[in-house]
């Protein structure tokens, strides 16, 4: 009870599978360029993180200095 399969259909499926691989290769170039851009931007992201950390630290120290001696009353 084996269903007959048209050989032309098998050939078409193989061609489509090969075309899909070629499409993935073309997309890989774009993805690689995107990843290269992200990797090149990482040092700037680190600099921004350090700047934000410094700002938070300064404002935290200022807040403790200004409001650290307040007494909490109910």
PDB file of N, CA and C in Angstrom:
ATOM      1  N   UNK A   1       0.812  -1.186   0.000  1.00  0.00           N
ATOM      2  CA  UNK A   1       0.000   0.000   0.000  1.00  0.00           C
ATOM      3  C   UNK A   1       0.863   1.260   0.000  1.00  0.00           C
ATOM      4  N   UNK A   2       1.754   1.362  -0.941  1.00  0.00           N
ATOM      5  CA  UNK A   2       2.605   2.542  -1.071  1.00  0.00           C
ATOM      6  C   UNK A   2       1.957   3.485  -2.063  1.00  0.00           C
ATOM      7  N   UNK A   3       1.846   4.743  -1.670  1.00  0.00           N
ATOM      8  CA  UNK A   3       1.259   5.735  -2.563  1.00  0.00           C
ATOM      9  C   UNK A   3       2.271   6.108  -3.639  1.00  0.00           C
ATOM     10  N   UNK A   4       1.835   6.184  -4.878  1.00  0.00           N
ATOM     11  CA  UNK A   4       2.771   6.582  -5.937  1.00  0.00           C
ATOM     12  C   UNK A   4       3.082   8.076  -5.837  1.00  0.00           C
ATOM     13  N   UNK A   5       4.357   8.405  -5.917  1.00  0.00           N
ATOM     14  CA  UNK A   5       4.802   9.799  -5.843  1.00  0.00           C
ATOM     15  C   UNK A   5       5.408  10.168  -7.186  1.00  0.00           C
ATOM     16  N   UNK A   6       4.986  11.277  -7.684  1.00  0.00           N
ATOM     17  CA  UNK A   6       5.462  11.751  -8.974  1.00  0.00           C
ATOM     18  C   UNK A   6       6.934  12.165  -8.850  1.00  0.00           C
ATOM     19  N   UNK A   7       7.834  11.631  -9.689  1.00  0.00           N
ATOM     20  CA  UNK A   7       9.262  12.001  -9.612  1.00  0.00           C
ATOM     21  C   UNK A   7       9.508  13.488  -9.873  1.00  0.00           C
ATOM     22  N   UNK A   8       8.659  14.098 -10.678  1.00  0.00           N
ATOM     23  CA  UNK A   8       8.812  15.530 -10.943  1.00  0.00           C
ATOM     24  C   UNK A   8       8.594  16.331  -9.662  1.00  0.00           C
ATOM     25  N   UNK A   9       7.658  15.897  -8.853  1.00  0.00           N
ATOM     26  CA  UNK A   9       7.406  16.569  -7.584  1.00  0.00           C
ATOM     27  C   UNK A   9       8.622  16.473  -6.664  1.00  0.00           C
ATOM     28  N   UNK A  10       9.275  15.327  -6.670  1.00  0.00           N
ATOM     29  CA  UNK A  10      10.482  15.157  -5.855  1.00  0.00           C
ATOM     30  C   UNK A  10      11.581  16.097  -6.331  1.00  0.00           C
ATOM     31  N   UNK A  11      11.733  16.239  -7.639  1.00  0.00           N
ATOM     32  CA  UNK A  11      12.752  17.151  -8.183  1.00  0.00           C
ATOM     33  C   UNK A  11      12.453  18.597  -7.789  1.00  0.00           C
ATOM     34  N   UNK A  12      11.173  18.968  -7.883  1.00  0.00           N
ATOM     35  CA  UNK A  12      10.788  20.335  -7.520  1.00  0.00           C
ATOM     36  C   UNK A  12      11.092  20.593  -6.045  1.00  0.00           C
ATOM     37  N   UNK A  13      10.794  19.624  -5.202  1.00  0.00           N
ATOM     38  CA  UNK A  13      11.072  19.785  -3.771  1.00  0.00           C
ATOM     39  C   UNK A  13      12.568  19.928  -3.509  1.00  0.00           C
ATOM     40  N   UNK A  14      13.388  19.187  -4.228  1.00  0.00           N
ATOM     41  CA  UNK A  14      14.843  19.305  -4.063  1.00  0.00           C
ATOM     42  C   UNK A  14      15.332  20.681  -4.479  1.00  0.00           C
ATOM     43  N   UNK A  15      14.799  21.180  -5.600  1.00  0.00           N
ATOM     44  CA  UNK A  15      15.197  22.510  -6.076  1.00  0.00           C
ATOM     45  C   UNK A  15      14.792  23.575  -5.056  1.00  0.00           C
ATOM     46  N   UNK A  16      13.592  23.439  -4.497  1.00  0.00           N
ATOM     47  CA  UNK A  16      13.151  24.409  -3.494  1.00  0.00           C
ATOM     48  C   UNK A  16      14.021  24.350  -2.245  1.00  0.00           C
ATOM     49  N   UNK A  17      14.453  23.155  -1.873  1.00  0.00           N
ATOM     50  CA  UNK A  17      15.310  23.022  -0.701  1.00  0.00           C
ATOM     51  C   UNK A  17      16.665  23.686  -0.949  1.00  0.00           C
ATOM     52  N   UNK A  18      17.208  23.510  -2.138  1.00  0.00           N
ATOM     53  CA  UNK A  18      18.482  24.155  -2.486  1.00  0.00           C
ATOM     54  C   UNK A  18      18.311  25.672  -2.527  1.00  0.00           C
ATOM     55  N   UNK A  19      17.178  26.138  -3.061  1.00  0.00           N
ATOM     56  CA  UNK A  19      16.924  27.583  -3.114  1.00  0.00           C
ATOM     57  C   UNK A  19      16.827  28.163  -1.707  1.00  0.00           C
ATOM     58  N   UNK A  20      16.260  27.398  -0.786  1.00  0.00           N
ATOM     59  CA  UNK A  20      16.155  27.875   0.594  1.00  0.00           C
ATOM     60  C   UNK A  20      17.539  28.041   1.217  1.00  0.00           C
ATOM     61  N   UNK A  21      18.438  27.101   0.937  1.00  0.00           N
ATOM     62  CA  UNK A  21      19.805  27.203   1.454  1.00  0.00           C
ATOM     63  C   UNK A  21      20.503  28.428   0.874  1.00  0.00           C
ATOM     64  N   UNK A  22      20.317  28.677  -0.420  1.00  0.00           N
ATOM     65  CA  UNK A  22      20.929  29.859  -1.038  1.00  0.00           C
ATOM     66  C   UNK A  22      20.363  31.145  -0.433  1.00  0.00           C
ATOM     67  N   UNK A  23      19.074  31.144  -0.154  1.00  0.00           N
ATOM     68  CA  UNK A  23      18.464  32.317   0.476  1.00  0.00           C
ATOM     69  C   UNK A  23      19.057  32.553   1.861  1.00  0.00           C
ATOM     70  N   UNK A  24      19.277  31.475   2.612  1.00  0.00           N
ATOM     71  CA  UNK A  24      19.881  31.614   3.934  1.00  0.00           C
ATOM     72  C   UNK A  24      21.304  32.157   3.841  1.00  0.00           C
ATOM     73  N   UNK A  25      22.040  31.749   2.815  1.00  0.00           N
ATOM     74  CA  UNK A  25      23.400  32.271   2.644  1.00  0.00           C
ATOM     75  C   UNK A  25      23.382  33.768   2.362  1.00  0.00           C
ATOM     76  N   UNK A  26      22.408  34.219   1.568  1.00  0.00           N
ATOM     77  CA  UNK A  26      22.300  35.653   1.304  1.00  0.00           C
ATOM     78  C   UNK A  26      21.933  36.411   2.575  1.00  0.00           C
ATOM     79  N   UNK A  27      21.037  35.826   3.377  1.00  0.00           N
ATOM     80  CA  UNK A  27      20.651  36.475   4.629  1.00  0.00           C
ATOM     81  C   UNK A  27      21.806  36.484   5.617  1.00  0.00           C
ATOM     82  N   UNK A  28      22.673  35.483   5.552  1.00  0.00           N
ATOM     83  CA  UNK A  28      23.790  35.396   6.494  1.00  0.00           C
ATOM     84  C   UNK A  28      24.732  36.589   6.338  1.00  0.00           C
ATOM     85  N   UNK A  29      24.881  37.094   5.121  1.00  0.00           N
ATOM     86  CA  UNK A  29      25.739  38.265   4.922  1.00  0.00           C
ATOM     87  C   UNK A  29      25.173  39.478   5.651  1.00  0.00           C
ATOM     88  N   UNK A  30      23.870  39.672   5.557  1.00  0.00           N
ATOM     89  CA  UNK A  30      23.238  40.786   6.255  1.00  0.00           C
ATOM     90  C   UNK A  30      23.321  40.636   7.761  1.00  0.00           C
ATOM     91  N   UNK A  31      23.109  39.417   8.247  1.00  0.00           N
ATOM     92  CA  UNK A  31      23.187  39.172   9.687  1.00  0.00           C
ATOM     93  C   UNK A  31      24.612  39.368  10.174  1.00  0.00           C
ATOM     94  N   UNK A  32      25.582  38.935   9.375  1.00  0.00           N
ATOM     95  CA  UNK A  32      26.985  39.119   9.755  1.00  0.00           C
ATOM     96  C   UNK A  32      27.327  40.603   9.834  1.00  0.00           C
ATOM     97  N   UNK A  33      26.832  41.394   8.874  1.00  0.00           N
ATOM     98  CA  UNK A  33      27.085  42.838   8.912  1.00  0.00           C
ATOM     99  C   UNK A  33      26.447  43.462  10.146  1.00  0.00           C
ATOM    100  N   UNK A  34      25.243  43.002  10.497  1.00  0.00           N
ATOM    101  CA  UNK A  34      24.572  43.520  11.684  1.00  0.00           C
ATOM    102  C   UNK A  34      25.345  43.167  12.948  1.00  0.00           C
ATOM    103  N   UNK A  35      25.827  41.941  13.043  1.00  0.00           N
ATOM    104  CA  UNK A  35      26.609  41.533  14.212  1.00  0.00           C
ATOM    105  C   UNK A  35      27.928  42.296  14.296  1.00  0.00           C
ATOM    106  N   UNK A  36      28.564  42.535  13.152  1.00  0.00           N
ATOM    107  CA  UNK A  36      29.799  43.328  13.158  1.00  0.00           C
ATOM    108  C   UNK A  36      29.537  44.740  13.686  1.00  0.00           C
ATOM    109  N   UNK A  37      28.410  45.322  13.286  1.00  0.00           N
ATOM    110  CA  UNK A  37      28.063  46.656  13.758  1.00  0.00           C
ATOM    111  C   UNK A  37      27.832  46.662  15.266  1.00  0.00           C
ATOM    112  N   UNK A  38      27.130  45.643  15.760  1.00  0.00           N
ATOM    113  CA  UNK A  38      26.873  45.557  17.204  1.00  0.00           C
ATOM    114  C   UNK A  38      28.181  45.393  17.968  1.00  0.00           C
ATOM    115  N   UNK A  39      29.085  44.561  17.461  1.00  0.00           N
ATOM    116  CA  UNK A  39      30.364  44.340  18.139  1.00  0.00           C
ATOM    117  C   UNK A  39      31.196  45.623  18.153  1.00  0.00           C
ATOM    118  N   UNK A  40      31.137  46.380  17.066  1.00  0.00           N
ATOM    119  CA  UNK A  40      31.887  47.638  17.031  1.00  0.00           C
ATOM    120  C   UNK A  40      31.288  48.680  17.970  1.00  0.00           C
ATOM    121  N   UNK A  41      29.990  48.581  18.261  1.00  0.00           N
ATOM    122  CA  UNK A  41      29.332  49.563  19.126  1.00  0.00           C
ATOM    123  C   UNK A  41      29.470  49.224  20.606  1.00  0.00           C
ATOM    124  N   UNK A  42      29.932  48.027  20.953  1.00  0.00           N
ATOM    125  CA  UNK A  42      30.006  47.626  22.361  1.00  0.00           C
ATOM    126  C   UNK A  42      30.886  48.538  23.224  1.00  0.00           C
ATOM    127  N   UNK A  43      32.043  49.005  22.771  1.00  0.00           N
ATOM    128  CA  UNK A  43      32.824  49.914  23.632  1.00  0.00           C
ATOM    129  C   UNK A  43      32.072  51.204  23.968  1.00  0.00           C
ATOM    130  N   UNK A  44      31.313  51.744  23.015  1.00  0.00           N
ATOM    131  CA  UNK A  44      30.539  52.949  23.293  1.00  0.00           C
ATOM    132  C   UNK A  44      29.432  52.662  24.304  1.00  0.00           C
ATOM    133  N   UNK A  45      28.844  51.472  24.230  1.00  0.00           N
ATOM    134  CA  UNK A  45      27.814  51.097  25.204  1.00  0.00           C
ATOM    135  C   UNK A  45      28.439  51.001  26.593  1.00  0.00           C
ATOM    136  N   UNK A  46      29.644  50.464  26.671  1.00  0.00           N
ATOM    137  CA  UNK A  46      30.345  50.406  27.954  1.00  0.00           C
ATOM    138  C   UNK A  46      30.631  51.788  28.505  1.00  0.00           C
ATOM    139  N   UNK A  47      31.025  52.700  27.633  1.00  0.00           N
ATOM    140  CA  UNK A  47      31.278  54.076  28.083  1.00  0.00           C
ATOM    141  C   UNK A  47      30.006  54.728  28.610  1.00  0.00           C
ATOM    142  N   UNK A  48      28.894  54.511  27.924  1.00  0.00           N
ATOM    143  CA  UNK A  48      27.628  55.069  28.400  1.00  0.00           C
ATOM    144  C   UNK A  48      27.225  54.462  29.740  1.00  0.00           C
ATOM    145  N   UNK A  49      27.431  53.162  29.893  1.00  0.00           N
ATOM    146  CA  UNK A  49      27.123  52.514  31.165  1.00  0.00           C
ATOM    147  C   UNK A  49      27.956  53.089  32.297  1.00  0.00           C
ATOM    148  N   UNK A  50      29.234  53.324  32.032  1.00  0.00           N
ATOM    149  CA  UNK A  50      30.108  53.921  33.044  1.00  0.00           C
ATOM    150  C   UNK A  50      29.668  55.346  33.386  1.00  0.00           C
ATOM    151  N   UNK A  51      29.259  56.098  32.388  1.00  0.00           N
ATOM    152  CA  UNK A  51      28.777  57.460  32.627  1.00  0.00           C
ATOM    153  C   UNK A  51      27.515  57.454  33.485  1.00  0.00           C
ATOM    154  N   UNK A  52      26.571  56.566  33.162  1.00  0.00           N
ATOM    155  CA  UNK A  52      25.347  56.477  33.971  1.00  0.00           C
ATOM    156  C   UNK A  52      25.651  56.029  35.395  1.00  0.00           C
ATOM    157  N   UNK A  53      26.568  55.079  35.550  1.00  0.00           N
ATOM    158  CA  UNK A  53      26.954  54.641  36.889  1.00  0.00           C
ATOM    159  C   UNK A  53      27.536  55.804  37.686  1.00  0.00           C
ATOM    160  N   UNK A  54      28.376  56.598  37.047  1.00  0.00           N
ATOM    161  CA  UNK A  54      28.973  57.748  37.724  1.00  0.00           C
ATOM    162  C   UNK A  54      27.910  58.762  38.138  1.00  0.00           C
ATOM    163  N   UNK A  55      26.949  59.026  37.251  1.00  0.00           N
ATOM    164  CA  UNK A  55      25.876  59.962  37.591  1.00  0.00           C
ATOM    165  C   UNK A  55      25.028  59.438  38.744  1.00  0.00           C
ATOM    166  N   UNK A  56      24.665  58.158  38.698  1.00  0.00           N
ATOM    167  CA  UNK A  56      23.876  57.581  39.795  1.00  0.00           C
ATOM    168  C   UNK A  56      24.648  57.639  41.107  1.00  0.00           C
ATOM    169  N   UNK A  57      25.935  57.367  41.048  1.00  0.00           N
ATOM    170  CA  UNK A  57      26.753  57.403  42.263  1.00  0.00           C
ATOM    171  C   UNK A  57      26.798  58.811  42.843  1.00  0.00           C
ATOM    172  N   UNK A  58      26.979  59.806  41.975  1.00  0.00           N
ATOM    173  CA  UNK A  58      27.040  61.193  42.445  1.00  0.00           C
ATOM    174  C   UNK A  58      25.722  61.595  43.095  1.00  0.00           C
ATOM    175  N   UNK A  59      24.595  61.276  42.438  1.00  0.00           N
ATOM    176  CA  UNK A  59      23.304  61.658  43.006  1.00  0.00           C
ATOM    177  C   UNK A  59      22.977  60.857  44.259  1.00  0.00           C
ATOM    178  N   UNK A  60      23.426  59.606  44.338  1.00  0.00           N
ATOM    179  CA  UNK A  60      23.212  58.824  45.562  1.00  0.00           C
ATOM    180  C   UNK A  60      23.998  59.428  46.721  1.00  0.00           C
ATOM    181  N   UNK A  61      25.253  59.802  46.469  1.00  0.00           N
ATOM    182  CA  UNK A  61      26.058  60.419  47.528  1.00  0.00           C
ATOM    183  C   UNK A  61      25.460  61.759  47.943  1.00  0.00           C
ATOM    184  N   UNK A  62      24.976  62.515  46.981  1.00  0.00           N
ATOM    185  CA  UNK A  62      24.332  63.793  47.288  1.00  0.00           C
ATOM    186  C   UNK A  62      23.056  63.581  48.103  1.00  0.00           C
ATOM    187  N   UNK A  63      22.266  62.576  47.747  1.00  0.00           N
ATOM    188  CA  UNK A  63      21.043  62.285  48.495  1.00  0.00           C
ATOM    189  C   UNK A  63      21.329  61.847  49.914  1.00  0.00           C
ATOM    190  N   UNK A  64      22.356  61.022  50.102  1.00  0.00           N
ATOM    191  CA  UNK A  64      22.715  60.593  51.458  1.00  0.00           C
ATOM    192  C   UNK A  64      23.209  61.789  52.264  1.00  0.00           C
ATOM    193  N   UNK A  65      23.978  62.652  51.645  1.00  0.00           N
ATOM    194  CA  UNK A  65      24.512  63.819  52.357  1.00  0.00           C
ATOM    195  C   UNK A  65      23.394  64.786  52.749  1.00  0.00           C
ATOM    196  N   UNK A  66      22.429  64.978  51.855  1.00  0.00           N
ATOM    197  CA  UNK A  66      21.364  65.936  52.137  1.00  0.00           C
ATOM    198  C   UNK A  66      20.279  65.371  53.046  1.00  0.00           C
ATOM    199  N   UNK A  67      19.916  64.103  52.847  1.00  0.00           N
ATOM    200  CA  UNK A  67      18.748  63.562  53.533  1.00  0.00           C
ATOM    201  C   UNK A  67      19.078  62.397  54.463  1.00  0.00           C
ATOM    202  N   UNK A  68      20.334  62.114  54.704  1.00  0.00           N
ATOM    203  CA  UNK A  68      20.707  60.966  55.516  1.00  0.00           C
ATOM    204  C   UNK A  68      20.474  61.147  57.000  1.00  0.00           C
ATOM    205  N   UNK A  69      20.359  62.388  57.469  1.00  0.00           N
ATOM    206  CA  UNK A  69      20.224  62.636  58.907  1.00  0.00           C
ATOM    207  C   UNK A  69      18.791  62.927  59.322  1.00  0.00           C
ATOM    208  N   UNK A  70      17.848  62.768  58.413  1.00  0.00           N
ATOM    209  CA  UNK A  70      16.448  63.008  58.759  1.00  0.00           C
ATOM    210  C   UNK A  70      15.937  61.889  59.649  1.00  0.00           C
ATOM    211  N   UNK A  71      15.155  62.263  60.647  1.00  0.00           N
ATOM    212  CA  UNK A  71      14.577  61.259  61.531  1.00  0.00           C
ATOM    213  C   UNK A  71      13.218  60.849  60.993  1.00  0.00           C
ATOM    214  N   UNK A  72      12.984  59.580  61.007  1.00  0.00           N
ATOM    215  CA  UNK A  72      11.694  59.058  60.563  1.00  0.00           C
ATOM    216  C   UNK A  72      10.747  59.042  61.751  1.00  0.00           C
ATOM    217  N   UNK A  73       9.638  59.747  61.648  1.00  0.00           N
ATOM    218  CA  UNK A  73       8.647  59.757  62.728  1.00  0.00           C
ATOM    219  C   UNK A  73       7.303  59.326  62.158  1.00  0.00           C
ATOM    220  N   UNK A  74       6.531  58.680  62.996  1.00  0.00           N
ATOM    221  CA  UNK A  74       5.239  58.140  62.555  1.00  0.00           C
ATOM    222  C   UNK A  74       4.182  59.208  62.624  1.00  0.00           C
TER     223      UNK A  74
END
